[in-house]
Amino acid sequence: MAIATCPRMKSEEMRLPPRLTVTRRWAAALLGFATLVFAVTTIVVRGDGWLGYVQATAEASMVGATRRLVRGQALFRHPLGGPIPPTAIPPRTQGPIRQTLG
């Protein structure tokens, strides 16, 4: 009788890129959903009511998602193509920071 062994787990470095891709897709899908909810509630809302709260929540979600996107780009790239010294992290320290954030 042979002893069954568990398959070897992939290292964290090999699992990170697919997880990062899935996370980015989820974030983009949620931003799209918040935008859709905001657009629909903007068309439907005529006055005060509970849909105003839904509209405000969707708007806040869109602002927060956009802020995180721009902040992430400002840390590792020069935003808007211009070299703004305090925003970009030096290339020699980007690797360890990416590993920690990933």
C-alpha atoms as a PDB file:
ATOM      1  CA  MET A   1       0.000   0.000   0.000  1.00  0.00           C
ATOM      2  CA  ALA A   2       1.508   3.319  -1.074  1.00  0.00           C
ATOM      3  CA  ILE A   3       1.351   6.357   1.135  1.00  0.00           C
ATOM      4  CA  ALA A   4      -0.286   9.317  -0.555  1.00  0.00           C
ATOM      5  CA  THR A   5       1.616  12.547  -0.270  1.00  0.00           C
ATOM      6  CA  CYS A   6       0.264  16.036  -0.524  1.00  0.00           C
ATOM      7  CA  PRO A   7       1.331  18.018  -3.549  1.00  0.00           C
ATOM      8  CA  ARG A   8       4.043  20.557  -2.869  1.00  0.00           C
ATOM      9  CA  MET A   9       2.843  24.087  -2.272  1.00  0.00           C
ATOM     10  CA  LYS A  10       4.089  26.762  -4.598  1.00  0.00           C
ATOM     11  CA  SER A  11       6.238  29.408  -3.043  1.00  0.00           C
ATOM     12  CA  GLU A  12       4.728  32.767  -2.154  1.00  0.00           C
ATOM     13  CA  GLU A  13       6.624  34.456  -4.993  1.00  0.00           C
ATOM     14  CA  MET A  14       4.987  32.196  -7.551  1.00  0.00           C
ATOM     15  CA  ARG A  15       1.470  32.729  -6.140  1.00  0.00           C
ATOM     16  CA  LEU A  16       1.704  36.514  -5.835  1.00  0.00           C
ATOM     17  CA  PRO A  17       1.219  37.644  -9.448  1.00  0.00           C
ATOM     18  CA  PRO A  18      -2.043  35.739 -10.043  1.00  0.00           C
ATOM     19  CA  ARG A  19      -3.421  36.959  -6.709  1.00  0.00           C
ATOM     20  CA  LEU A  20      -2.414  40.506  -7.549  1.00  0.00           C
ATOM     21  CA  THR A  21      -4.111  40.244 -10.938  1.00  0.00           C
ATOM     22  CA  VAL A  22      -7.307  38.923  -9.359  1.00  0.00           C
ATOM     23  CA  THR A  23      -7.253  41.684  -6.753  1.00  0.00           C
ATOM     24  CA  ARG A  24      -6.812  44.362  -9.400  1.00  0.00           C
ATOM     25  CA  ARG A  25      -9.697  42.949 -11.416  1.00  0.00           C
ATOM     26  CA  TRP A  26     -11.942  42.896  -8.343  1.00  0.00           C
ATOM     27  CA  ALA A  27     -11.009  46.489  -7.556  1.00  0.00           C
ATOM     28  CA  ALA A  28     -11.774  47.581 -11.116  1.00  0.00           C
ATOM     29  CA  ALA A  29     -15.078  45.686 -11.076  1.00  0.00           C
ATOM     30  CA  LEU A  30     -16.112  47.286  -7.780  1.00  0.00           C
ATOM     31  CA  LEU A  31     -15.192  50.744  -9.087  1.00  0.00           C
ATOM     32  CA  GLY A  32     -17.312  50.061 -12.165  1.00  0.00           C
ATOM     33  CA  PHE A  33     -20.191  48.872  -9.990  1.00  0.00           C
ATOM     34  CA  ALA A  34     -19.989  51.985  -7.795  1.00  0.00           C
ATOM     35  CA  THR A  35     -19.963  54.145 -10.936  1.00  0.00           C
ATOM     36  CA  LEU A  36     -23.009  52.325 -12.303  1.00  0.00           C
ATOM     37  CA  VAL A  37     -24.899  52.697  -9.014  1.00  0.00           C
ATOM     38  CA  PHE A  38     -24.000  56.390  -8.891  1.00  0.00           C
ATOM     39  CA  ALA A  39     -25.173  56.957 -12.468  1.00  0.00           C
ATOM     40  CA  VAL A  40     -28.471  55.130 -11.917  1.00  0.00           C
ATOM     41  CA  THR A  41     -29.220  56.889  -8.644  1.00  0.00           C
ATOM     42  CA  THR A  42     -28.339  60.259 -10.176  1.00  0.00           C
ATOM     43  CA  ILE A  43     -30.935  59.670 -12.885  1.00  0.00           C
ATOM     44  CA  VAL A  44     -33.571  58.272 -10.513  1.00  0.00           C
ATOM     45  CA  VAL A  45     -33.219  60.584  -7.490  1.00  0.00           C
ATOM     46  CA  ARG A  46     -35.665  63.471  -7.779  1.00  0.00           C
ATOM     47  CA  GLY A  47     -35.688  64.781  -4.225  1.00  0.00           C
ATOM     48  CA  ASP A  48     -34.872  63.782  -0.700  1.00  0.00           C
ATOM     49  CA  GLY A  49     -35.150  60.140   0.152  1.00  0.00           C
ATOM     50  CA  TRP A  50     -33.221  57.024   0.963  1.00  0.00           C
ATOM     51  CA  LEU A  51     -31.761  56.827  -2.541  1.00  0.00           C
ATOM     52  CA  GLY A  52     -29.798  59.971  -1.732  1.00  0.00           C
ATOM     53  CA  TYR A  53     -27.856  57.952   0.831  1.00  0.00           C
ATOM     54  CA  VAL A  54     -27.145  55.253  -1.748  1.00  0.00           C
ATOM     55  CA  GLN A  55     -25.968  57.911  -4.193  1.00  0.00           C
ATOM     56  CA  ALA A  56     -23.672  59.491  -1.580  1.00  0.00           C
ATOM     57  CA  THR A  57     -22.203  56.101  -0.665  1.00  0.00           C
ATOM     58  CA  ALA A  58     -21.509  55.277  -4.308  1.00  0.00           C
ATOM     59  CA  GLU A  59     -19.905  58.686  -4.828  1.00  0.00           C
ATOM     60  CA  ALA A  60     -17.682  58.227  -1.772  1.00  0.00           C
ATOM     61  CA  SER A  61     -16.684  54.771  -3.024  1.00  0.00           C
ATOM     62  CA  MET A  62     -15.672  56.202  -6.390  1.00  0.00           C
ATOM     63  CA  VAL A  63     -13.615  58.972  -4.760  1.00  0.00           C
ATOM     64  CA  GLY A  64     -11.871  56.518  -2.426  1.00  0.00           C
ATOM     65  CA  ALA A  65     -11.020  54.075  -5.201  1.00  0.00           C
ATOM     66  CA  THR A  66      -9.653  56.830  -7.408  1.00  0.00           C
ATOM     67  CA  ARG A  67      -7.594  58.229  -4.521  1.00  0.00           C
ATOM     68  CA  ARG A  68      -6.013  54.835  -3.861  1.00  0.00           C
ATOM     69  CA  LEU A  69      -5.206  54.391  -7.540  1.00  0.00           C
ATOM     70  CA  VAL A  70      -3.496  57.770  -7.813  1.00  0.00           C
ATOM     71  CA  ARG A  71      -1.651  57.302  -4.513  1.00  0.00           C
ATOM     72  CA  GLY A  72      -0.273  53.949  -5.650  1.00  0.00           C
ATOM     73  CA  GLN A  73       0.912  55.419  -8.915  1.00  0.00           C
ATOM     74  CA  ALA A  74       2.484  58.390  -7.139  1.00  0.00           C
ATOM     75  CA  LEU A  75       4.540  56.082  -4.923  1.00  0.00           C
ATOM     76  CA  PHE A  76       6.103  54.010  -7.679  1.00  0.00           C
ATOM     77  CA  ARG A  77       5.894  56.295 -10.729  1.00  0.00           C
ATOM     78  CA  HIS A  78       5.900  59.969 -11.504  1.00  0.00           C
ATOM     79  CA  PRO A  79       2.264  61.097 -11.657  1.00  0.00           C
ATOM     80  CA  LEU A  80       1.180  63.002 -14.753  1.00  0.00           C
ATOM     81  CA  GLY A  81       4.568  62.321 -16.370  1.00  0.00           C
ATOM     82  CA  GLY A  82       6.349  65.019 -14.378  1.00  0.00           C
ATOM     83  CA  PRO A  83       9.241  64.384 -12.022  1.00  0.00           C
ATOM     84  CA  ILE A  84       7.873  65.549  -8.693  1.00  0.00           C
ATOM     85  CA  PRO A  85      10.692  64.645  -6.256  1.00  0.00           C
ATOM     86  CA  PRO A  86       8.789  64.016  -3.026  1.00  0.00           C
ATOM     87  CA  THR A  87       6.234  61.650  -4.559  1.00  0.00           C
ATOM     88  CA  ALA A  88       8.302  58.914  -6.189  1.00  0.00           C
ATOM     89  CA  ILE A  89      10.165  56.351  -4.086  1.00  0.00           C
ATOM     90  CA  PRO A  90      13.806  55.816  -5.153  1.00  0.00           C
ATOM     91  CA  PRO A  91      14.193  52.730  -7.368  1.00  0.00           C
ATOM     92  CA  ARG A  92      16.586  50.992  -4.964  1.00  0.00           C
ATOM     93  CA  THR A  93      13.942  50.906  -2.212  1.00  0.00           C
ATOM     94  CA  GLN A  94      10.944  50.057  -4.407  1.00  0.00           C
ATOM     95  CA  GLY A  95      11.631  46.304  -4.384  1.00  0.00           C
ATOM     96  CA  PRO A  96      11.325  45.729  -0.622  1.00  0.00           C
ATOM     97  CA  ILE A  97       8.313  48.034  -0.402  1.00  0.00           C
ATOM     98  CA  ARG A  98       6.545  46.185  -3.237  1.00  0.00           C
ATOM     99  CA  GLN A  99       7.206  42.863  -1.515  1.00  0.00           C
ATOM    100  CA  THR A 100       5.719  44.190   1.718  1.00  0.00           C
ATOM    101  CA  LEU A 101       2.659  45.762   0.071  1.00  0.00           C
ATOM    102  CA  GLY A 102       2.063  42.767  -2.213  1.00  0.00           C
END
